[in-house]
Amino acid sequence: MDLSGQENTGPSPDQSKDYDVVKDLILKAYELVPEAYRVKFRTTYKQEKKSHVEYAKTKEDQLDLWVQFKNIGGDFEKFKQVILLEDFKRCIRKDISVHLDERKIETLAEGAVLADEYALTH
């Protein structure tokens, strides 16, 4: 506990020297989940003062983070499902999309079945 009586969740002195430990703690603190990376990727636009090359690099870095936190690796089929499911959820009712997010659906087929079940019961 610290002086304010709160539990100290920061790294120990030894852990603070380990980049991976510190990085994990920072990501957890900011709750940068795959959805946050997806939103950042989808909502970043080229700024007037930046070159197209800089903008392209930013977009690529953001996509890499999104893919990294979705644990896709080099699996093209998994990546395809992430893109298809994202677009599917964008085009359906918000309450159904939220329901799919809560269930952590990973494929379009699973999402479509669950969306139909939800629509029929609500």
N, C-alpha and C. Protein backbone atom coordinates (compact mmCIF):
# COMPACT_ATOMS: atom_id res chain seq x y z
N MET A 1 0.84 -1.18 0.00
CA MET A 1 0.00 0.00 0.00
C MET A 1 0.88 1.24 0.00
N ASP A 2 0.37 2.29 -0.67
CA ASP A 2 1.11 3.53 -0.67
C ASP A 2 0.65 4.42 0.48
N LEU A 3 1.14 5.64 0.54
CA LEU A 3 0.81 6.54 1.64
C LEU A 3 -0.66 6.90 1.71
N SER A 4 -1.39 6.83 0.59
CA SER A 4 -2.81 7.18 0.59
C SER A 4 -3.68 6.00 0.99
N GLY A 5 -3.07 4.84 1.27
CA GLY A 5 -3.84 3.67 1.64
C GLY A 5 -4.27 2.84 0.45
N GLN A 6 -3.90 3.25 -0.75
CA GLN A 6 -4.26 2.52 -1.97
C GLN A 6 -3.23 1.42 -2.21
N GLU A 7 -3.69 0.35 -2.85
CA GLU A 7 -2.79 -0.73 -3.20
C GLU A 7 -1.87 -0.28 -4.32
N ASN A 8 -0.60 -0.54 -4.20
CA ASN A 8 0.37 -0.16 -5.22
C ASN A 8 0.39 -1.23 -6.29
N THR A 9 -0.02 -0.88 -7.51
CA THR A 9 -0.06 -1.85 -8.60
C THR A 9 1.06 -1.64 -9.60
N GLY A 10 1.99 -0.76 -9.29
CA GLY A 10 3.10 -0.49 -10.18
C GLY A 10 4.14 -1.59 -10.10
N PRO A 11 5.12 -1.52 -10.98
CA PRO A 11 6.16 -2.55 -10.99
C PRO A 11 7.09 -2.41 -9.80
N SER A 12 7.67 -3.54 -9.40
CA SER A 12 8.69 -3.52 -8.36
C SER A 12 9.95 -2.90 -8.98
N PRO A 13 10.93 -2.53 -8.15
CA PRO A 13 12.16 -1.97 -8.72
C PRO A 13 12.81 -2.88 -9.76
N ASP A 14 12.79 -4.20 -9.51
CA ASP A 14 13.37 -5.13 -10.48
C ASP A 14 12.53 -5.19 -11.76
N GLN A 15 11.20 -5.20 -11.60
CA GLN A 15 10.32 -5.26 -12.77
C GLN A 15 10.42 -4.00 -13.62
N SER A 16 10.68 -2.86 -12.99
CA SER A 16 10.72 -1.60 -13.74
C SER A 16 11.88 -1.56 -14.74
N LYS A 17 12.81 -2.49 -14.61
CA LYS A 17 13.93 -2.57 -15.55
C LYS A 17 13.62 -3.49 -16.73
N ASP A 18 12.49 -4.21 -16.65
CA ASP A 18 12.10 -5.17 -17.69
C ASP A 18 11.08 -4.50 -18.61
N TYR A 19 11.49 -4.23 -19.85
CA TYR A 19 10.64 -3.52 -20.81
C TYR A 19 9.28 -4.19 -20.99
N ASP A 20 9.26 -5.52 -21.14
CA ASP A 20 8.00 -6.23 -21.39
C ASP A 20 7.04 -6.10 -20.21
N VAL A 21 7.56 -6.16 -19.00
CA VAL A 21 6.71 -6.02 -17.81
C VAL A 21 6.11 -4.61 -17.77
N VAL A 22 6.95 -3.61 -17.96
CA VAL A 22 6.47 -2.22 -17.93
C VAL A 22 5.46 -1.97 -19.05
N LYS A 23 5.75 -2.47 -20.24
CA LYS A 23 4.83 -2.31 -21.37
C LYS A 23 3.47 -2.94 -21.04
N ASP A 24 3.47 -4.16 -20.51
CA ASP A 24 2.22 -4.84 -20.16
C ASP A 24 1.43 -4.05 -19.12
N LEU A 25 2.12 -3.52 -18.12
CA LEU A 25 1.44 -2.74 -17.09
C LEU A 25 0.84 -1.45 -17.66
N ILE A 26 1.55 -0.81 -18.55
CA ILE A 26 1.04 0.42 -19.17
C ILE A 26 -0.18 0.11 -20.02
N LEU A 27 -0.12 -0.95 -20.82
CA LEU A 27 -1.26 -1.32 -21.65
C LEU A 27 -2.48 -1.66 -20.80
N LYS A 28 -2.26 -2.36 -19.71
CA LYS A 28 -3.38 -2.70 -18.82
C LYS A 28 -3.94 -1.44 -18.18
N ALA A 29 -3.07 -0.52 -17.80
CA ALA A 29 -3.53 0.72 -17.16
C ALA A 29 -4.41 1.53 -18.09
N TYR A 30 -4.07 1.55 -19.34
CA TYR A 30 -4.86 2.31 -20.31
C TYR A 30 -5.93 1.47 -21.00
N GLU A 31 -6.00 0.20 -20.65
CA GLU A 31 -6.99 -0.72 -21.20
C GLU A 31 -7.04 -0.66 -22.72
N LEU A 32 -5.86 -0.71 -23.32
CA LEU A 32 -5.80 -0.69 -24.78
C LEU A 32 -6.08 -2.08 -25.31
N VAL A 33 -7.33 -2.35 -25.45
CA VAL A 33 -7.80 -3.63 -25.95
C VAL A 33 -7.88 -3.56 -27.47
N PRO A 34 -8.04 -4.70 -28.13
CA PRO A 34 -8.10 -4.68 -29.60
C PRO A 34 -9.12 -3.68 -30.15
N GLU A 35 -10.24 -3.51 -29.48
CA GLU A 35 -11.26 -2.57 -29.97
C GLU A 35 -10.72 -1.15 -30.00
N ALA A 36 -9.92 -0.77 -29.02
CA ALA A 36 -9.35 0.58 -29.00
C ALA A 36 -8.41 0.76 -30.19
N TYR A 37 -7.61 -0.26 -30.49
CA TYR A 37 -6.71 -0.18 -31.64
C TYR A 37 -7.49 -0.14 -32.95
N ARG A 38 -8.59 -0.89 -33.03
CA ARG A 38 -9.42 -0.88 -34.23
C ARG A 38 -10.00 0.52 -34.45
N VAL A 39 -10.53 1.11 -33.40
CA VAL A 39 -11.12 2.44 -33.51
C VAL A 39 -10.07 3.46 -33.92
N LYS A 40 -8.91 3.38 -33.31
CA LYS A 40 -7.84 4.32 -33.65
C LYS A 40 -7.44 4.15 -35.12
N PHE A 41 -7.32 2.91 -35.57
CA PHE A 41 -6.98 2.66 -36.98
C PHE A 41 -8.05 3.24 -37.91
N ARG A 42 -9.30 3.04 -37.59
CA ARG A 42 -10.40 3.47 -38.45
C ARG A 42 -10.67 4.97 -38.41
N THR A 43 -10.24 5.65 -37.36
CA THR A 43 -10.59 7.07 -37.23
C THR A 43 -9.42 8.03 -37.43
N THR A 44 -8.26 7.50 -37.76
CA THR A 44 -7.10 8.36 -38.01
C THR A 44 -7.09 8.78 -39.49
N TYR A 45 -7.01 10.08 -39.70
CA TYR A 45 -6.97 10.63 -41.06
C TYR A 45 -5.69 11.42 -41.26
N LYS A 46 -5.34 11.61 -42.50
CA LYS A 46 -4.13 12.34 -42.84
C LYS A 46 -4.28 13.79 -42.40
N GLN A 47 -3.28 14.27 -41.68
CA GLN A 47 -3.25 15.68 -41.29
C GLN A 47 -2.55 16.48 -42.39
N GLU A 48 -2.98 17.70 -42.57
CA GLU A 48 -2.46 18.55 -43.64
C GLU A 48 -0.94 18.68 -43.58
N LYS A 49 -0.40 18.81 -42.38
CA LYS A 49 1.05 19.05 -42.25
C LYS A 49 1.90 17.78 -42.38
N LYS A 50 1.26 16.62 -42.45
CA LYS A 50 1.99 15.36 -42.58
C LYS A 50 2.04 14.93 -44.04
N SER A 51 3.10 14.25 -44.41
CA SER A 51 3.20 13.72 -45.77
C SER A 51 2.35 12.46 -45.89
N HIS A 52 2.10 12.07 -47.13
CA HIS A 52 1.36 10.83 -47.36
C HIS A 52 2.16 9.63 -46.88
N VAL A 53 3.47 9.70 -46.99
CA VAL A 53 4.33 8.61 -46.52
C VAL A 53 4.22 8.48 -45.00
N GLU A 54 4.22 9.60 -44.29
CA GLU A 54 4.07 9.56 -42.82
C GLU A 54 2.71 9.00 -42.44
N TYR A 55 1.67 9.44 -43.14
CA TYR A 55 0.32 8.96 -42.85
C TYR A 55 0.22 7.45 -43.10
N ALA A 56 0.78 6.99 -44.22
CA ALA A 56 0.75 5.56 -44.55
C ALA A 56 1.46 4.76 -43.47
N LYS A 57 2.59 5.25 -42.98
CA LYS A 57 3.34 4.56 -41.92
C LYS A 57 2.51 4.51 -40.63
N THR A 58 1.84 5.60 -40.30
CA THR A 58 0.98 5.64 -39.10
C THR A 58 -0.13 4.59 -39.21
N LYS A 59 -0.79 4.55 -40.38
CA LYS A 59 -1.87 3.58 -40.58
C LYS A 59 -1.35 2.15 -40.48
N GLU A 60 -0.20 1.90 -41.07
CA GLU A 60 0.37 0.56 -41.01
C GLU A 60 0.71 0.17 -39.57
N ASP A 61 1.29 1.10 -38.81
CA ASP A 61 1.62 0.83 -37.41
C ASP A 61 0.36 0.55 -36.60
N GLN A 62 -0.70 1.31 -36.85
CA GLN A 62 -1.96 1.12 -36.13
C GLN A 62 -2.58 -0.24 -36.47
N LEU A 63 -2.54 -0.61 -37.73
CA LEU A 63 -3.07 -1.91 -38.13
C LEU A 63 -2.25 -3.04 -37.50
N ASP A 64 -0.93 -2.88 -37.47
CA ASP A 64 -0.08 -3.88 -36.84
C ASP A 64 -0.44 -4.08 -35.37
N LEU A 65 -0.71 -2.98 -34.65
CA LEU A 65 -1.10 -3.09 -33.25
C LEU A 65 -2.44 -3.80 -33.11
N TRP A 66 -3.39 -3.44 -33.94
CA TRP A 66 -4.71 -4.08 -33.91
C TRP A 66 -4.57 -5.59 -34.13
N VAL A 67 -3.82 -5.95 -35.17
CA VAL A 67 -3.62 -7.36 -35.50
C VAL A 67 -2.87 -8.07 -34.37
N GLN A 68 -1.87 -7.42 -33.81
CA GLN A 68 -1.10 -8.01 -32.72
C GLN A 68 -2.00 -8.35 -31.54
N PHE A 69 -2.88 -7.42 -31.16
CA PHE A 69 -3.72 -7.64 -29.99
C PHE A 69 -4.94 -8.51 -30.27
N LYS A 70 -5.19 -8.82 -31.53
CA LYS A 70 -6.22 -9.81 -31.88
C LYS A 70 -5.60 -11.20 -31.98
N ASN A 71 -4.29 -11.28 -31.75
CA ASN A 71 -3.55 -12.54 -31.81
C ASN A 71 -3.74 -13.25 -33.14
N ILE A 72 -3.59 -12.51 -34.21
CA ILE A 72 -3.77 -13.05 -35.55
C ILE A 72 -2.48 -13.66 -36.09
N GLY A 73 -1.36 -13.05 -35.76
CA GLY A 73 -0.09 -13.52 -36.30
C GLY A 73 -0.11 -13.41 -37.82
N GLY A 74 0.31 -14.43 -38.51
CA GLY A 74 0.32 -14.43 -39.97
C GLY A 74 -0.85 -15.20 -40.58
N ASP A 75 -1.88 -15.45 -39.79
CA ASP A 75 -3.01 -16.25 -40.23
C ASP A 75 -3.98 -15.39 -41.07
N PHE A 76 -3.91 -15.51 -42.39
CA PHE A 76 -4.74 -14.70 -43.27
C PHE A 76 -6.23 -14.96 -43.05
N GLU A 77 -6.62 -16.20 -42.85
CA GLU A 77 -8.04 -16.52 -42.64
C GLU A 77 -8.58 -15.83 -41.40
N LYS A 78 -7.79 -15.83 -40.34
CA LYS A 78 -8.21 -15.16 -39.10
C LYS A 78 -8.32 -13.65 -39.34
N PHE A 79 -7.37 -13.08 -40.06
CA PHE A 79 -7.41 -11.65 -40.39
C PHE A 79 -8.66 -11.33 -41.22
N LYS A 80 -8.94 -12.18 -42.19
CA LYS A 80 -10.13 -12.00 -43.03
C LYS A 80 -11.40 -11.99 -42.19
N GLN A 81 -11.47 -12.90 -41.23
CA GLN A 81 -12.65 -12.97 -40.37
C GLN A 81 -12.78 -11.72 -39.50
N VAL A 82 -11.67 -11.19 -39.02
CA VAL A 82 -11.70 -9.95 -38.23
C VAL A 82 -12.28 -8.81 -39.06
N ILE A 83 -11.83 -8.68 -40.30
CA ILE A 83 -12.31 -7.59 -41.18
C ILE A 83 -13.79 -7.80 -41.52
N LEU A 84 -14.16 -9.02 -41.90
CA LEU A 84 -15.56 -9.31 -42.26
C LEU A 84 -16.49 -9.07 -41.07
N LEU A 85 -16.09 -9.54 -39.90
CA LEU A 85 -16.93 -9.39 -38.72
C LEU A 85 -17.05 -7.92 -38.32
N GLU A 86 -15.97 -7.18 -38.42
CA GLU A 86 -16.02 -5.75 -38.10
C GLU A 86 -17.00 -5.04 -39.03
N ASP A 87 -16.93 -5.31 -40.30
CA ASP A 87 -17.82 -4.65 -41.25
C ASP A 87 -19.27 -5.09 -41.04
N PHE A 88 -19.47 -6.35 -40.74
CA PHE A 88 -20.81 -6.88 -40.45
C PHE A 88 -21.42 -6.13 -39.27
N LYS A 89 -20.64 -5.99 -38.18
CA LYS A 89 -21.15 -5.32 -36.98
C LYS A 89 -21.43 -3.84 -37.24
N ARG A 90 -20.67 -3.24 -38.15
CA ARG A 90 -20.87 -1.84 -38.49
C ARG A 90 -22.21 -1.63 -39.20
N CYS A 91 -22.71 -2.65 -39.86
CA CYS A 91 -23.90 -2.53 -40.70
C CYS A 91 -25.18 -3.07 -40.07
N ILE A 92 -25.10 -3.55 -38.84
CA ILE A 92 -26.30 -4.09 -38.19
C ILE A 92 -26.68 -3.18 -37.02
N ARG A 93 -27.82 -3.50 -36.40
CA ARG A 93 -28.28 -2.70 -35.26
C ARG A 93 -27.23 -2.68 -34.16
N LYS A 94 -27.12 -1.54 -33.50
CA LYS A 94 -26.11 -1.33 -32.47
C LYS A 94 -26.26 -2.35 -31.32
N ASP A 95 -27.49 -2.61 -30.87
CA ASP A 95 -27.67 -3.54 -29.76
C ASP A 95 -27.20 -4.95 -30.11
N ILE A 96 -27.39 -5.35 -31.35
CA ILE A 96 -26.92 -6.67 -31.78
C ILE A 96 -25.39 -6.68 -31.87
N SER A 97 -24.83 -5.61 -32.38
CA SER A 97 -23.37 -5.49 -32.46
C SER A 97 -22.74 -5.56 -31.07
N VAL A 98 -23.33 -4.87 -30.12
CA VAL A 98 -22.83 -4.91 -28.73
C VAL A 98 -22.93 -6.33 -28.18
N HIS A 99 -24.03 -7.00 -28.46
CA HIS A 99 -24.22 -8.39 -28.02
C HIS A 99 -23.10 -9.28 -28.57
N LEU A 100 -22.77 -9.11 -29.83
CA LEU A 100 -21.69 -9.90 -30.43
C LEU A 100 -20.34 -9.57 -29.78
N ASP A 101 -20.10 -8.28 -29.50
CA ASP A 101 -18.86 -7.89 -28.83
C ASP A 101 -18.76 -8.53 -27.46
N GLU A 102 -19.85 -8.56 -26.73
CA GLU A 102 -19.86 -9.15 -25.39
C GLU A 102 -19.56 -10.64 -25.43
N ARG A 103 -19.91 -11.30 -26.52
CA ARG A 103 -19.69 -12.74 -26.65
C ARG A 103 -18.33 -13.07 -27.26
N LYS A 104 -17.58 -12.03 -27.64
CA LYS A 104 -16.24 -12.21 -28.22
C LYS A 104 -16.24 -13.18 -29.41
N ILE A 105 -17.19 -12.97 -30.29
CA ILE A 105 -17.32 -13.78 -31.51
C ILE A 105 -16.09 -13.55 -32.38
N GLU A 106 -15.60 -14.61 -33.03
CA GLU A 106 -14.38 -14.49 -33.83
C GLU A 106 -14.57 -14.74 -35.32
N THR A 107 -15.75 -15.26 -35.73
CA THR A 107 -15.95 -15.48 -37.16
C THR A 107 -17.28 -14.88 -37.59
N LEU A 108 -17.37 -14.57 -38.87
CA LEU A 108 -18.58 -14.01 -39.44
C LEU A 108 -19.74 -14.99 -39.30
N ALA A 109 -19.49 -16.26 -39.56
CA ALA A 109 -20.56 -17.26 -39.46
C ALA A 109 -21.13 -17.33 -38.05
N GLU A 110 -20.25 -17.35 -37.04
CA GLU A 110 -20.71 -17.36 -35.65
C GLU A 110 -21.51 -16.10 -35.34
N GLY A 111 -21.01 -14.97 -35.81
CA GLY A 111 -21.68 -13.70 -35.58
C GLY A 111 -23.05 -13.64 -36.20
N ALA A 112 -23.17 -14.15 -37.41
CA ALA A 112 -24.46 -14.12 -38.11
C ALA A 112 -25.49 -15.00 -37.40
N VAL A 113 -25.08 -16.17 -36.96
CA VAL A 113 -25.99 -17.07 -36.24
C VAL A 113 -26.43 -16.43 -34.93
N LEU A 114 -25.47 -15.92 -34.17
CA LEU A 114 -25.80 -15.30 -32.89
C LEU A 114 -26.66 -14.05 -33.09
N ALA A 115 -26.41 -13.28 -34.14
CA ALA A 115 -27.21 -12.10 -34.44
C ALA A 115 -28.66 -12.48 -34.74
N ASP A 116 -28.85 -13.54 -35.53
CA ASP A 116 -30.21 -14.01 -35.82
C ASP A 116 -30.91 -14.49 -34.55
N GLU A 117 -30.20 -15.24 -33.72
CA GLU A 117 -30.79 -15.72 -32.47
C GLU A 117 -31.20 -14.54 -31.58
N TYR A 118 -30.33 -13.55 -31.47
CA TYR A 118 -30.63 -12.38 -30.66
C TYR A 118 -31.83 -11.61 -31.21
N ALA A 119 -31.85 -11.43 -32.54
CA ALA A 119 -32.95 -10.69 -33.17
C ALA A 119 -34.29 -11.42 -32.96
N LEU A 120 -34.27 -12.73 -33.00
CA LEU A 120 -35.50 -13.50 -32.80
C LEU A 120 -36.01 -13.45 -31.36
N THR A 121 -35.09 -13.35 -30.42
CA THR A 121 -35.50 -13.37 -29.00
C THR A 121 -35.72 -11.98 -28.41
N HIS A 122 -35.36 -10.95 -29.14
CA HIS A 122 -35.52 -9.59 -28.61
C HIS A 122 -36.46 -8.84 -29.53
